[in-house]
Structure formats: structure tokens, C-alpha cells
């Protein structure tokens, strides 16, 4: 019976350690939610065509503004303008993703958690 006493004591330490891990995970989750909320309010800006098209997006990847220089509007070449808009929008979305990933990395210590945002 003596050999099982040590095992029971280890179980209590394991439970205490598990509770600490759970508390740390809950704290990390709260911090991640706070950071995510803050980052969703921040904005990024992307341009294309040397400033012909400017797009502003937030951390939720919502396009907030789209500005087109009058010089970029050529009725005979709509395709170029469409391309400039796509480039600027895609760059803004990538910047928003990068901003969110960087912010979450600061909370998780660089651990990549799939499906985090």
C-alpha cells in the first residue's frame, strides 16, 4: 500500500498544475480577445498605381474608404483602373491579416494557434 501513497500525492499536484494551466489559458484567451478588439478598430492603408488608388481597411478586413484619383479614370481603359483597385484592396486585406497575426503573436508568444482569427 505504501507505494500508492506517493502516487496519490502526485495526482494532487497534477490537479493543481492542471488548474494553473486552465487559469493561464483563460487569461490568455481574455488577452487575445482584448487585443483582437483593439486591432479590429485599427486601420491600414494601401495604394496602387503610384497613389492613383488608395484603400483604407480595418482589422476586420472591412473596406472603409476607396479613393480614386481623377487622373486614373480613363473611359477607354477601365481594365487598368479595375486592376489598380484589386491590387490596393488585396494589399489592404493582407496588411489587416498581418496586423492581426502580429498582435495575436504578441499575446501567444509566437505560438501559431490554428483558427485563431
PDB file of N, CA and C in Angstrom:
ATOM      1  N   UNK A   1       0.802  -1.186   0.000  1.00  0.00           N
ATOM      2  CA  UNK A   1       0.000   0.000   0.000  1.00  0.00           C
ATOM      3  C   UNK A   1       0.846   1.251   0.000  1.00  0.00           C
ATOM      4  N   UNK A   2       2.004   1.183   0.577  1.00  0.00           N
ATOM      5  CA  UNK A   2       2.866   2.351   0.689  1.00  0.00           C
ATOM      6  C   UNK A   2       3.216   2.957  -0.656  1.00  0.00           C
ATOM      7  N   UNK A   3       3.369   2.143  -1.654  1.00  0.00           N
ATOM      8  CA  UNK A   3       3.747   2.666  -2.960  1.00  0.00           C
ATOM      9  C   UNK A   3       2.626   3.490  -3.587  1.00  0.00           C
ATOM     10  N   UNK A   4       1.384   3.297  -3.199  1.00  0.00           N
ATOM     11  CA  UNK A   4       0.283   4.050  -3.781  1.00  0.00           C
ATOM     12  C   UNK A   4       0.121   5.424  -3.138  1.00  0.00           C
ATOM     13  N   UNK A   5       0.643   5.634  -1.948  1.00  0.00           N
ATOM     14  CA  UNK A   5       0.570   6.949  -1.308  1.00  0.00           C
ATOM     15  C   UNK A   5       1.276   7.996  -2.147  1.00  0.00           C
ATOM     16  N   UNK A   6       2.456   7.673  -2.605  1.00  0.00           N
ATOM     17  CA  UNK A   6       3.210   8.616  -3.441  1.00  0.00           C
ATOM     18  C   UNK A   6       2.452   8.933  -4.717  1.00  0.00           C
ATOM     19  N   UNK A   7       1.808   7.971  -5.276  1.00  0.00           N
ATOM     20  CA  UNK A   7       1.045   8.169  -6.498  1.00  0.00           C
ATOM     21  C   UNK A   7      -0.140   9.104  -6.248  1.00  0.00           C
ATOM     22  N   UNK A   8      -0.815   8.939  -5.132  1.00  0.00           N
ATOM     23  CA  UNK A   8      -1.966   9.792  -4.811  1.00  0.00           C
ATOM     24  C   UNK A   8      -1.511  11.234  -4.634  1.00  0.00           C
ATOM     25  N   UNK A   9      -0.376  11.414  -3.987  1.00  0.00           N
ATOM     26  CA  UNK A   9       0.158  12.765  -3.808  1.00  0.00           C
ATOM     27  C   UNK A   9       0.494  13.401  -5.142  1.00  0.00           C
ATOM     28  N   UNK A  10       1.017  12.612  -6.059  1.00  0.00           N
ATOM     29  CA  UNK A  10       1.353  13.138  -7.382  1.00  0.00           C
ATOM     30  C   UNK A  10       0.079  13.560  -8.104  1.00  0.00           C
ATOM     31  N   UNK A  11      -1.005  12.835  -7.884  1.00  0.00           N
ATOM     32  CA  UNK A  11      -2.274  13.186  -8.510  1.00  0.00           C
ATOM     33  C   UNK A  11      -2.765  14.537  -8.055  1.00  0.00           C
ATOM     34  N   UNK A  12      -2.573  14.843  -6.782  1.00  0.00           N
ATOM     35  CA  UNK A  12      -2.997  16.146  -6.269  1.00  0.00           C
ATOM     36  C   UNK A  12      -2.179  17.253  -6.913  1.00  0.00           C
ATOM     37  N   UNK A  13      -0.877  17.045  -7.061  1.00  0.00           N
ATOM     38  CA  UNK A  13      -0.034  18.040  -7.722  1.00  0.00           C
ATOM     39  C   UNK A  13      -0.430  18.195  -9.183  1.00  0.00           C
ATOM     40  N   UNK A  14      -0.775  17.081  -9.812  1.00  0.00           N
ATOM     41  CA  UNK A  14      -1.197  17.127 -11.207  1.00  0.00           C
ATOM     42  C   UNK A  14      -2.470  17.954 -11.348  1.00  0.00           C
ATOM     43  N   UNK A  15      -3.417  17.766 -10.430  1.00  0.00           N
ATOM     44  CA  UNK A  15      -4.658  18.545 -10.465  1.00  0.00           C
ATOM     45  C   UNK A  15      -4.372  20.035 -10.259  1.00  0.00           C
ATOM     46  N   UNK A  16      -3.478  20.339  -9.340  1.00  0.00           N
ATOM     47  CA  UNK A  16      -3.120  21.734  -9.080  1.00  0.00           C
ATOM     48  C   UNK A  16      -2.456  22.342 -10.316  1.00  0.00           C
ATOM     49  N   UNK A  17      -1.543  21.577 -10.925  1.00  0.00           N
ATOM     50  CA  UNK A  17      -0.880  22.056 -12.146  1.00  0.00           C
ATOM     51  C   UNK A  17      -1.884  22.248 -13.276  1.00  0.00           C
ATOM     52  N   UNK A  18      -2.828  21.322 -13.398  1.00  0.00           N
ATOM     53  CA  UNK A  18      -3.844  21.421 -14.447  1.00  0.00           C
ATOM     54  C   UNK A  18      -4.705  22.667 -14.211  1.00  0.00           C
ATOM     55  N   UNK A  19      -5.058  22.938 -12.979  1.00  0.00           N
ATOM     56  CA  UNK A  19      -5.833  24.142 -12.671  1.00  0.00           C
ATOM     57  C   UNK A  19      -5.056  25.396 -13.050  1.00  0.00           C
ATOM     58  N   UNK A  20      -3.749  25.399 -12.791  1.00  0.00           N
ATOM     59  CA  UNK A  20      -2.916  26.539 -13.175  1.00  0.00           C
ATOM     60  C   UNK A  20      -2.880  26.708 -14.690  1.00  0.00           C
ATOM     61  N   UNK A  21      -2.769  25.604 -15.403  1.00  0.00           N
ATOM     62  CA  UNK A  21      -2.753  25.661 -16.865  1.00  0.00           C
ATOM     63  C   UNK A  21      -4.078  26.214 -17.378  1.00  0.00           C
ATOM     64  N   UNK A  22      -5.176  25.757 -16.793  1.00  0.00           N
ATOM     65  CA  UNK A  22      -6.501  26.243 -17.206  1.00  0.00           C
ATOM     66  C   UNK A  22      -6.628  27.736 -16.931  1.00  0.00           C
ATOM     67  N   UNK A  23      -6.181  28.186 -15.777  1.00  0.00           N
ATOM     68  CA  UNK A  23      -6.237  29.613 -15.444  1.00  0.00           C
ATOM     69  C   UNK A  23      -5.386  30.431 -16.413  1.00  0.00           C
ATOM     70  N   UNK A  24      -4.199  29.933 -16.751  1.00  0.00           N
ATOM     71  CA  UNK A  24      -3.337  30.635 -17.701  1.00  0.00           C
ATOM     72  C   UNK A  24      -3.979  30.687 -19.077  1.00  0.00           C
ATOM     73  N   UNK A  25      -4.618  29.603 -19.487  1.00  0.00           N
ATOM     74  CA  UNK A  25      -5.285  29.569 -20.794  1.00  0.00           C
ATOM     75  C   UNK A  25      -6.447  30.559 -20.825  1.00  0.00           C
ATOM     76  N   UNK A  26      -7.196  30.639 -19.735  1.00  0.00           N
ATOM     77  CA  UNK A  26      -8.307  31.584 -19.666  1.00  0.00           C
ATOM     78  C   UNK A  26      -7.795  33.014 -19.722  1.00  0.00           C
ATOM     79  N   UNK A  27      -6.700  33.282 -19.027  1.00  0.00           N
ATOM     80  CA  UNK A  27      -6.111  34.621 -19.043  1.00  0.00           C
ATOM     81  C   UNK A  27      -5.630  34.966 -20.459  1.00  0.00           C
ATOM     82  N   UNK A  28      -4.981  34.002 -21.129  1.00  0.00           N
ATOM     83  CA  UNK A  28      -4.505  34.223 -22.484  1.00  0.00           C
ATOM     84  C   UNK A  28      -5.684  34.485 -23.423  1.00  0.00           C
ATOM     85  N   UNK A  29      -6.770  33.739 -23.251  1.00  0.00           N
ATOM     86  CA  UNK A  29      -7.937  33.940 -24.093  1.00  0.00           C
ATOM     87  C   UNK A  29      -8.511  35.337 -23.894  1.00  0.00           C
ATOM     88  N   UNK A  30      -8.582  35.799 -22.651  1.00  0.00           N
ATOM     89  CA  UNK A  30      -9.080  37.146 -22.378  1.00  0.00           C
ATOM     90  C   UNK A  30      -8.180  38.201 -23.021  1.00  0.00           C
ATOM     91  N   UNK A  31      -6.871  38.000 -22.922  1.00  0.00           N
ATOM     92  CA  UNK A  31      -5.925  38.935 -23.531  1.00  0.00           C
ATOM     93  C   UNK A  31      -6.068  38.935 -25.052  1.00  0.00           C
ATOM     94  N   UNK A  32      -6.238  37.753 -25.648  1.00  0.00           N
ATOM     95  CA  UNK A  32      -6.386  37.661 -27.104  1.00  0.00           C
ATOM     96  C   UNK A  32      -7.654  38.374 -27.555  1.00  0.00           C
ATOM     97  N   UNK A  33      -8.733  38.209 -26.814  1.00  0.00           N
ATOM     98  CA  UNK A  33      -9.985  38.877 -27.177  1.00  0.00           C
ATOM     99  C   UNK A  33      -9.826  40.397 -27.102  1.00  0.00           C
ATOM    100  N   UNK A  34      -9.137  40.867 -26.069  1.00  0.00           N
ATOM    101  CA  UNK A  34      -8.914  42.305 -25.910  1.00  0.00           C
ATOM    102  C   UNK A  34      -8.063  42.849 -27.063  1.00  0.00           C
ATOM    103  N   UNK A  35      -6.979  42.155 -27.373  1.00  0.00           N
ATOM    104  CA  UNK A  35      -6.101  42.578 -28.463  1.00  0.00           C
ATOM    105  C   UNK A  35      -6.852  42.541 -29.789  1.00  0.00           C
ATOM    106  N   UNK A  36      -7.639  41.492 -30.009  1.00  0.00           N
ATOM    107  CA  UNK A  36      -8.383  41.381 -31.259  1.00  0.00           C
ATOM    108  C   UNK A  36      -9.360  42.548 -31.405  1.00  0.00           C
ATOM    109  N   UNK A  37     -10.063  42.893 -30.326  1.00  0.00           N
ATOM    110  CA  UNK A  37     -10.990  44.018 -30.375  1.00  0.00           C
ATOM    111  C   UNK A  37     -10.256  45.317 -30.708  1.00  0.00           C
ATOM    112  N   UNK A  38      -9.095  45.518 -30.085  1.00  0.00           N
ATOM    113  CA  UNK A  38      -8.306  46.724 -30.353  1.00  0.00           C
ATOM    114  C   UNK A  38      -7.846  46.763 -31.804  1.00  0.00           C
ATOM    115  N   UNK A  39      -7.370  45.628 -32.306  1.00  0.00           N
ATOM    116  CA  UNK A  39      -6.855  45.579 -33.672  1.00  0.00           C
ATOM    117  C   UNK A  39      -7.967  45.735 -34.710  1.00  0.00           C
ATOM    118  N   UNK A  40      -9.157  45.276 -34.375  1.00  0.00           N
ATOM    119  CA  UNK A  40     -10.269  45.426 -35.310  1.00  0.00           C
ATOM    120  C   UNK A  40     -10.613  46.896 -35.539  1.00  0.00           C
ATOM    121  N   UNK A  41     -10.282  47.743 -34.573  1.00  0.00           N
ATOM    122  CA  UNK A  41     -10.559  49.175 -34.700  1.00  0.00           C
ATOM    123  C   UNK A  41      -9.439  49.928 -35.423  1.00  0.00           C
ATOM    124  N   UNK A  42      -8.250  49.343 -35.494  1.00  0.00           N
ATOM    125  CA  UNK A  42      -7.137  49.991 -36.188  1.00  0.00           C
ATOM    126  C   UNK A  42      -7.331  49.903 -37.691  1.00  0.00           C
ATOM    127  N   UNK A  43      -6.659  50.790 -38.407  1.00  0.00           N
ATOM    128  CA  UNK A  43      -6.794  50.798 -39.855  1.00  0.00           C
ATOM    129  C   UNK A  43      -5.441  50.621 -40.536  1.00  0.00           C
ATOM    130  N   UNK A  44      -5.512  50.151 -41.764  1.00  0.00           N
ATOM    131  CA  UNK A  44      -4.345  50.042 -42.633  1.00  0.00           C
ATOM    132  C   UNK A  44      -4.705  50.736 -43.941  1.00  0.00           C
ATOM    133  N   UNK A  45      -3.665  51.198 -44.642  1.00  0.00           N
ATOM    134  CA  UNK A  45      -3.891  51.884 -45.909  1.00  0.00           C
ATOM    135  C   UNK A  45      -2.987  51.289 -46.968  1.00  0.00           C
ATOM    136  N   UNK A  46      -3.543  51.082 -48.144  1.00  0.00           N
ATOM    137  CA  UNK A  46      -2.777  50.537 -49.264  1.00  0.00           C
ATOM    138  C   UNK A  46      -3.043  51.388 -50.490  1.00  0.00           C
ATOM    139  N   UNK A  47      -2.004  51.522 -51.318  1.00  0.00           N
ATOM    140  CA  UNK A  47      -2.150  52.284 -52.556  1.00  0.00           C
ATOM    141  C   UNK A  47      -1.634  51.457 -53.722  1.00  0.00           C
ATOM    142  N   UNK A  48      -2.067  51.851 -54.906  1.00  0.00           N
ATOM    143  CA  UNK A  48      -1.538  51.235 -56.119  1.00  0.00           C
ATOM    144  C   UNK A  48      -1.478  52.315 -57.194  1.00  0.00           C
ATOM    145  N   UNK A  49      -0.703  52.026 -58.213  1.00  0.00           N
ATOM    146  CA  UNK A  49      -0.572  52.975 -59.314  1.00  0.00           C
ATOM    147  C   UNK A  49       0.034  54.289 -58.889  1.00  0.00           C
ATOM    148  N   UNK A  50       0.995  54.222 -57.959  1.00  0.00           N
ATOM    149  CA  UNK A  50       1.660  55.452 -57.506  1.00  0.00           C
ATOM    150  C   UNK A  50       0.707  56.417 -56.817  1.00  0.00           C
ATOM    151  N   UNK A  51      -0.309  55.886 -56.145  1.00  0.00           N
ATOM    152  CA  UNK A  51      -1.266  56.724 -55.434  1.00  0.00           C
ATOM    153  C   UNK A  51      -2.549  56.969 -56.217  1.00  0.00           C
ATOM    154  N   UNK A  52      -2.684  56.340 -57.368  1.00  0.00           N
ATOM    155  CA  UNK A  52      -3.903  56.506 -58.167  1.00  0.00           C
ATOM    156  C   UNK A  52      -5.121  55.941 -57.442  1.00  0.00           C
ATOM    157  N   UNK A  53      -4.910  54.857 -56.676  1.00  0.00           N
ATOM    158  CA  UNK A  53      -5.985  54.242 -55.901  1.00  0.00           C
ATOM    159  C   UNK A  53      -5.485  54.066 -54.472  1.00  0.00           C
ATOM    160  N   UNK A  54      -6.305  54.486 -53.516  1.00  0.00           N
ATOM    161  CA  UNK A  54      -5.970  54.337 -52.103  1.00  0.00           C
ATOM    162  C   UNK A  54      -7.140  53.661 -51.395  1.00  0.00           C
ATOM    163  N   UNK A  55      -6.832  52.625 -50.625  1.00  0.00           N
ATOM    164  CA  UNK A  55      -7.848  51.868 -49.896  1.00  0.00           C
ATOM    165  C   UNK A  55      -7.482  51.870 -48.417  1.00  0.00           C
ATOM    166  N   UNK A  56      -8.480  52.117 -47.582  1.00  0.00           N
ATOM    167  CA  UNK A  56      -8.319  52.016 -46.138  1.00  0.00           C
ATOM    168  C   UNK A  56      -9.221  50.904 -45.637  1.00  0.00           C
ATOM    169  N   UNK A  57      -8.671  50.013 -44.813  1.00  0.00           N
ATOM    170  CA  UNK A  57      -9.430  48.893 -44.254  1.00  0.00           C
ATOM    171  C   UNK A  57      -9.177  48.827 -42.758  1.00  0.00           C
ATOM    172  N   UNK A  58     -10.080  48.172 -42.040  1.00  0.00           N
ATOM    173  CA  UNK A  58      -9.852  47.973 -40.611  1.00  0.00           C
ATOM    174  C   UNK A  58      -9.390  46.544 -40.356  1.00  0.00           C
ATOM    175  N   UNK A  59      -9.145  46.226 -39.090  1.00  0.00           N
ATOM    176  CA  UNK A  59      -8.666  44.903 -38.727  1.00  0.00           C
ATOM    177  C   UNK A  59      -9.659  43.791 -38.986  1.00  0.00           C
ATOM    178  N   UNK A  60     -10.925  44.133 -39.211  1.00  0.00           N
ATOM    179  CA  UNK A  60     -11.937  43.138 -39.553  1.00  0.00           C
ATOM    180  C   UNK A  60     -11.968  42.881 -41.057  1.00  0.00           C
ATOM    181  N   UNK A  61     -11.034  43.508 -41.769  1.00  0.00           N
ATOM    182  CA  UNK A  61     -10.916  43.389 -43.223  1.00  0.00           C
ATOM    183  C   UNK A  61     -12.105  44.023 -43.941  1.00  0.00           C
ATOM    184  N   UNK A  62     -12.677  45.038 -43.316  1.00  0.00           N
ATOM    185  CA  UNK A  62     -13.743  45.801 -43.952  1.00  0.00           C
ATOM    186  C   UNK A  62     -13.118  46.998 -44.655  1.00  0.00           C
ATOM    187  N   UNK A  63     -13.505  47.246 -45.879  1.00  0.00           N
ATOM    188  CA  UNK A  63     -13.009  48.397 -46.618  1.00  0.00           C
ATOM    189  C   UNK A  63     -13.767  49.623 -46.112  1.00  0.00           C
ATOM    190  N   UNK A  64     -13.013  50.591 -45.592  1.00  0.00           N
ATOM    191  CA  UNK A  64     -13.625  51.792 -45.030  1.00  0.00           C
ATOM    192  C   UNK A  64     -13.686  52.927 -46.045  1.00  0.00           C
ATOM    193  N   UNK A  65     -12.609  53.072 -46.821  1.00  0.00           N
ATOM    194  CA  UNK A  65     -12.596  54.105 -47.855  1.00  0.00           C
ATOM    195  C   UNK A  65     -11.920  53.571 -49.102  1.00  0.00           C
ATOM    196  N   UNK A  66     -12.331  54.125 -50.223  1.00  0.00           N
ATOM    197  CA  UNK A  66     -11.724  53.824 -51.516  1.00  0.00           C
ATOM    198  C   UNK A  66     -11.647  55.148 -52.259  1.00  0.00           C
ATOM    199  N   UNK A  67     -10.426  55.582 -52.514  1.00  0.00           N
ATOM    200  CA  UNK A  67     -10.232  56.851 -53.212  1.00  0.00           C
ATOM    201  C   UNK A  67      -9.547  56.598 -54.543  1.00  0.00           C
ATOM    202  N   UNK A  68     -10.076  57.231 -55.568  1.00  0.00           N
ATOM    203  CA  UNK A  68      -9.535  57.087 -56.912  1.00  0.00           C
ATOM    204  C   UNK A  68      -9.182  58.472 -57.434  1.00  0.00           C
ATOM    205  N   UNK A  69      -7.950  58.630 -57.836  1.00  0.00           N
ATOM    206  CA  UNK A  69      -7.511  59.893 -58.421  1.00  0.00           C
ATOM    207  C   UNK A  69      -8.216  60.106 -59.757  1.00  0.00           C
ATOM    208  N   UNK A  70      -8.682  61.316 -60.019  1.00  0.00           N
ATOM    209  CA  UNK A  70      -9.322  61.583 -61.320  1.00  0.00           C
ATOM    210  C   UNK A  70      -8.418  61.240 -62.503  1.00  0.00           C
ATOM    211  N   UNK A  71      -7.109  61.341 -62.306  1.00  0.00           N
ATOM    212  CA  UNK A  71      -6.169  61.009 -63.373  1.00  0.00           C
ATOM    213  C   UNK A  71      -6.206  59.519 -63.729  1.00  0.00           C
ATOM    214  N   UNK A  72      -6.689  58.695 -62.802  1.00  0.00           N
ATOM    215  CA  UNK A  72      -6.720  57.246 -63.046  1.00  0.00           C
ATOM    216  C   UNK A  72      -7.951  56.825 -63.835  1.00  0.00           C
ATOM    217  N   UNK A  73      -8.888  57.751 -64.009  1.00  0.00           N
ATOM    218  CA  UNK A  73     -10.135  57.418 -64.695  1.00  0.00           C
ATOM    219  C   UNK A  73      -9.988  57.710 -66.194  1.00  0.00           C
ATOM    220  N   UNK A  74      -9.913  56.649 -66.952  1.00  0.00           N
ATOM    221  CA  UNK A  74      -9.822  56.748 -68.415  1.00  0.00           C
ATOM    222  C   UNK A  74     -10.924  55.862 -68.992  1.00  0.00           C
ATOM    223  N   UNK A  75     -11.972  56.460 -69.532  1.00  0.00           N
ATOM    224  CA  UNK A  75     -13.090  55.662 -70.056  1.00  0.00           C
ATOM    225  C   UNK A  75     -12.660  54.642 -71.115  1.00  0.00           C
ATOM    226  N   UNK A  76     -11.548  54.873 -71.755  1.00  0.00           N
ATOM    227  CA  UNK A  76     -11.081  53.940 -72.777  1.00  0.00           C
ATOM    228  C   UNK A  76     -10.222  52.813 -72.197  1.00  0.00           C
ATOM    229  N   UNK A  77      -9.928  52.885 -70.877  1.00  0.00           N
ATOM    230  CA  UNK A  77      -9.068  51.870 -70.260  1.00  0.00           C
ATOM    231  C   UNK A  77      -9.581  51.547 -68.848  1.00  0.00           C
ATOM    232  N   UNK A  78     -10.788  51.054 -68.758  1.00  0.00           N
ATOM    233  CA  UNK A  78     -11.400  50.701 -67.477  1.00  0.00           C
ATOM    234  C   UNK A  78     -10.658  49.532 -66.819  1.00  0.00           C
ATOM    235  N   UNK A  79     -10.127  48.625 -67.623  1.00  0.00           N
ATOM    236  CA  UNK A  79      -9.447  47.447 -67.088  1.00  0.00           C
ATOM    237  C   UNK A  79      -8.262  47.820 -66.202  1.00  0.00           C
ATOM    238  N   UNK A  80      -7.503  48.827 -66.566  1.00  0.00           N
ATOM    239  CA  UNK A  80      -6.364  49.248 -65.748  1.00  0.00           C
ATOM    240  C   UNK A  80      -6.844  49.743 -64.397  1.00  0.00           C
ATOM    241  N   UNK A  81      -7.897  50.534 -64.383  1.00  0.00           N
ATOM    242  CA  UNK A  81      -8.449  51.025 -63.121  1.00  0.00           C
ATOM    243  C   UNK A  81      -8.949  49.865 -62.263  1.00  0.00           C
ATOM    244  N   UNK A  82      -9.616  48.910 -62.877  1.00  0.00           N
ATOM    245  CA  UNK A  82     -10.080  47.736 -62.136  1.00  0.00           C
ATOM    246  C   UNK A  82      -8.899  46.994 -61.509  1.00  0.00           C
ATOM    247  N   UNK A  83      -7.826  46.833 -62.264  1.00  0.00           N
ATOM    248  CA  UNK A  83      -6.632  46.159 -61.744  1.00  0.00           C
ATOM    249  C   UNK A  83      -6.027  46.932 -60.569  1.00  0.00           C
ATOM    250  N   UNK A  84      -5.958  48.252 -60.693  1.00  0.00           N
ATOM    251  CA  UNK A  84      -5.406  49.072 -59.613  1.00  0.00           C
ATOM    252  C   UNK A  84      -6.244  48.941 -58.345  1.00  0.00           C
ATOM    253  N   UNK A  85      -7.550  48.894 -58.504  1.00  0.00           N
ATOM    254  CA  UNK A  85      -8.438  48.742 -57.342  1.00  0.00           C
ATOM    255  C   UNK A  85      -8.219  47.377 -56.694  1.00  0.00           C
ATOM    256  N   UNK A  86      -8.149  46.312 -57.496  1.00  0.00           N
ATOM    257  CA  UNK A  86      -7.934  44.971 -56.941  1.00  0.00           C
ATOM    258  C   UNK A  86      -6.610  44.887 -56.193  1.00  0.00           C
ATOM    259  N   UNK A  87      -5.556  45.466 -56.762  1.00  0.00           N
ATOM    260  CA  UNK A  87      -4.244  45.425 -56.113  1.00  0.00           C
ATOM    261  C   UNK A  87      -4.300  46.136 -54.765  1.00  0.00           C
ATOM    262  N   UNK A  88      -4.896  47.318 -54.726  1.00  0.00           N
ATOM    263  CA  UNK A  88      -4.960  48.083 -53.479  1.00  0.00           C
ATOM    264  C   UNK A  88      -5.825  47.379 -52.439  1.00  0.00           C
ATOM    265  N   UNK A  89      -6.966  46.830 -52.849  1.00  0.00           N
ATOM    266  CA  UNK A  89      -7.850  46.133 -51.912  1.00  0.00           C
ATOM    267  C   UNK A  89      -7.163  44.895 -51.360  1.00  0.00           C
ATOM    268  N   UNK A  90      -6.560  44.096 -52.229  1.00  0.00           N
ATOM    269  CA  UNK A  90      -5.875  42.884 -51.766  1.00  0.00           C
ATOM    270  C   UNK A  90      -4.721  43.213 -50.830  1.00  0.00           C
ATOM    271  N   UNK A  91      -3.992  44.282 -51.111  1.00  0.00           N
ATOM    272  CA  UNK A  91      -2.893  44.689 -50.241  1.00  0.00           C
ATOM    273  C   UNK A  91      -3.430  45.140 -48.883  1.00  0.00           C
ATOM    274  N   UNK A  92      -4.531  45.877 -48.867  1.00  0.00           N
ATOM    275  CA  UNK A  92      -5.119  46.317 -47.599  1.00  0.00           C
ATOM    276  C   UNK A  92      -5.560  45.117 -46.764  1.00  0.00           C
ATOM    277  N   UNK A  93      -6.170  44.128 -47.407  1.00  0.00           N
ATOM    278  CA  UNK A  93      -6.611  42.930 -46.687  1.00  0.00           C
ATOM    279  C   UNK A  93      -5.412  42.164 -46.139  1.00  0.00           C
ATOM    280  N   UNK A  94      -4.346  42.049 -46.920  1.00  0.00           N
ATOM    281  CA  UNK A  94      -3.138  41.371 -46.446  1.00  0.00           C
ATOM    282  C   UNK A  94      -2.537  42.108 -45.262  1.00  0.00           C
ATOM    283  N   UNK A  95      -2.488  43.444 -45.339  1.00  0.00           N
ATOM    284  CA  UNK A  95      -1.958  44.227 -44.221  1.00  0.00           C
ATOM    285  C   UNK A  95      -2.802  44.033 -42.961  1.00  0.00           C
ATOM    286  N   UNK A  96      -4.127  43.963 -43.114  1.00  0.00           N
ATOM    287  CA  UNK A  96      -5.011  43.729 -41.970  1.00  0.00           C
ATOM    288  C   UNK A  96      -4.744  42.351 -41.367  1.00  0.00           C
ATOM    289  N   UNK A  97      -4.577  41.337 -42.229  1.00  0.00           N
ATOM    290  CA  UNK A  97      -4.242  39.991 -41.749  1.00  0.00           C
ATOM    291  C   UNK A  97      -2.915  39.996 -41.000  1.00  0.00           C
ATOM    292  N   UNK A  98      -1.907  40.643 -41.582  1.00  0.00           N
ATOM    293  CA  UNK A  98      -0.585  40.695 -40.961  1.00  0.00           C
ATOM    294  C   UNK A  98      -0.638  41.416 -39.614  1.00  0.00           C
ATOM    295  N   UNK A  99      -1.409  42.514 -39.548  1.00  0.00           N
ATOM    296  CA  UNK A  99      -1.542  43.266 -38.305  1.00  0.00           C
ATOM    297  C   UNK A  99      -2.178  42.383 -37.230  1.00  0.00           C
ATOM    298  N   UNK A 100      -3.214  41.644 -37.598  1.00  0.00           N
ATOM    299  CA  UNK A 100      -3.894  40.775 -36.641  1.00  0.00           C
ATOM    300  C   UNK A 100      -2.967  39.646 -36.197  1.00  0.00           C
ATOM    301  N   UNK A 101      -2.250  39.045 -37.126  1.00  0.00           N
ATOM    302  CA  UNK A 101      -1.337  37.947 -36.790  1.00  0.00           C
ATOM    303  C   UNK A 101      -0.231  38.432 -35.858  1.00  0.00           C
ATOM    304  N   UNK A 102       0.298  39.605 -36.139  1.00  0.00           N
ATOM    305  CA  UNK A 102       1.361  40.160 -35.290  1.00  0.00           C
ATOM    306  C   UNK A 102       0.836  40.445 -33.890  1.00  0.00           C
ATOM    307  N   UNK A 103      -0.356  41.006 -33.803  1.00  0.00           N
ATOM    308  CA  UNK A 103      -0.943  41.293 -32.493  1.00  0.00           C
ATOM    309  C   UNK A 103      -1.221  40.038 -31.698  1.00  0.00           C
ATOM    310  N   UNK A 104      -1.735  39.006 -32.353  1.00  0.00           N
ATOM    311  CA  UNK A 104      -2.022  37.752 -31.663  1.00  0.00           C
ATOM    312  C   UNK A 104      -0.731  37.048 -31.268  1.00  0.00           C
ATOM    313  N   UNK A 105       0.293  37.161 -32.103  1.00  0.00           N
ATOM    314  CA  UNK A 105       1.582  36.544 -31.798  1.00  0.00           C
ATOM    315  C   UNK A 105       2.184  37.133 -30.528  1.00  0.00           C
ATOM    316  N   UNK A 106       1.953  38.427 -30.322  1.00  0.00           N
ATOM    317  CA  UNK A 106       2.469  39.066 -29.112  1.00  0.00           C
ATOM    318  C   UNK A 106       1.814  38.474 -27.863  1.00  0.00           C
ATOM    319  N   UNK A 107       0.549  38.078 -27.974  1.00  0.00           N
ATOM    320  CA  UNK A 107      -0.163  37.506 -26.832  1.00  0.00           C
ATOM    321  C   UNK A 107       0.202  36.044 -26.635  1.00  0.00           C
ATOM    322  N   UNK A 108       0.316  35.291 -27.734  1.00  0.00           N
ATOM    323  CA  UNK A 108       0.556  33.852 -27.632  1.00  0.00           C
ATOM    324  C   UNK A 108       2.032  33.494 -27.545  1.00  0.00           C
ATOM    325  N   UNK A 109       2.889  34.476 -27.594  1.00  0.00           N
ATOM    326  CA  UNK A 109       4.318  34.198 -27.539  1.00  0.00           C
ATOM    327  C   UNK A 109       4.840  33.547 -28.797  1.00  0.00           C
ATOM    328  N   UNK A 110       4.170  33.792 -29.909  1.00  0.00           N
ATOM    329  CA  UNK A 110       4.614  33.252 -31.187  1.00  0.00           C
ATOM    330  C   UNK A 110       4.067  31.882 -31.512  1.00  0.00           C
ATOM    331  N   UNK A 111       3.262  31.315 -30.616  1.00  0.00           N
ATOM    332  CA  UNK A 111       2.669  30.003 -30.877  1.00  0.00           C
ATOM    333  C   UNK A 111       1.557  30.189 -31.893  1.00  0.00           C
ATOM    334  N   UNK A 112       1.606  29.429 -32.972  1.00  0.00           N
ATOM    335  CA  UNK A 112       0.582  29.508 -34.006  1.00  0.00           C
ATOM    336  C   UNK A 112      -0.590  28.627 -33.615  1.00  0.00           C
ATOM    337  N   UNK A 113      -1.751  29.258 -33.365  1.00  0.00           N
ATOM    338  CA  UNK A 113      -2.938  28.521 -32.978  1.00  0.00           C
ATOM    339  C   UNK A 113      -3.903  28.550 -34.161  1.00  0.00           C
ATOM    340  N   UNK A 114      -4.116  27.405 -34.811  1.00  0.00           N
ATOM    341  CA  UNK A 114      -4.990  27.363 -35.992  1.00  0.00           C
ATOM    342  C   UNK A 114      -6.393  27.889 -35.679  1.00  0.00           C
ATOM    343  N   UNK A 115      -6.951  28.664 -36.596  1.00  0.00           N
ATOM    344  CA  UNK A 115      -8.300  29.172 -36.440  1.00  0.00           C
ATOM    345  C   UNK A 115      -8.421  30.279 -35.419  1.00  0.00           C
ATOM    346  N   UNK A 116      -7.299  30.901 -35.070  1.00  0.00           N
ATOM    347  CA  UNK A 116      -7.316  31.922 -34.016  1.00  0.00           C
ATOM    348  C   UNK A 116      -8.110  33.138 -34.425  1.00  0.00           C
ATOM    349  N   UNK A 117      -8.000  33.551 -35.672  1.00  0.00           N
ATOM    350  CA  UNK A 117      -8.758  34.736 -36.106  1.00  0.00           C
ATOM    351  C   UNK A 117      -9.185  34.583 -37.523  1.00  0.00           C
TER     352      UNK A 117
END
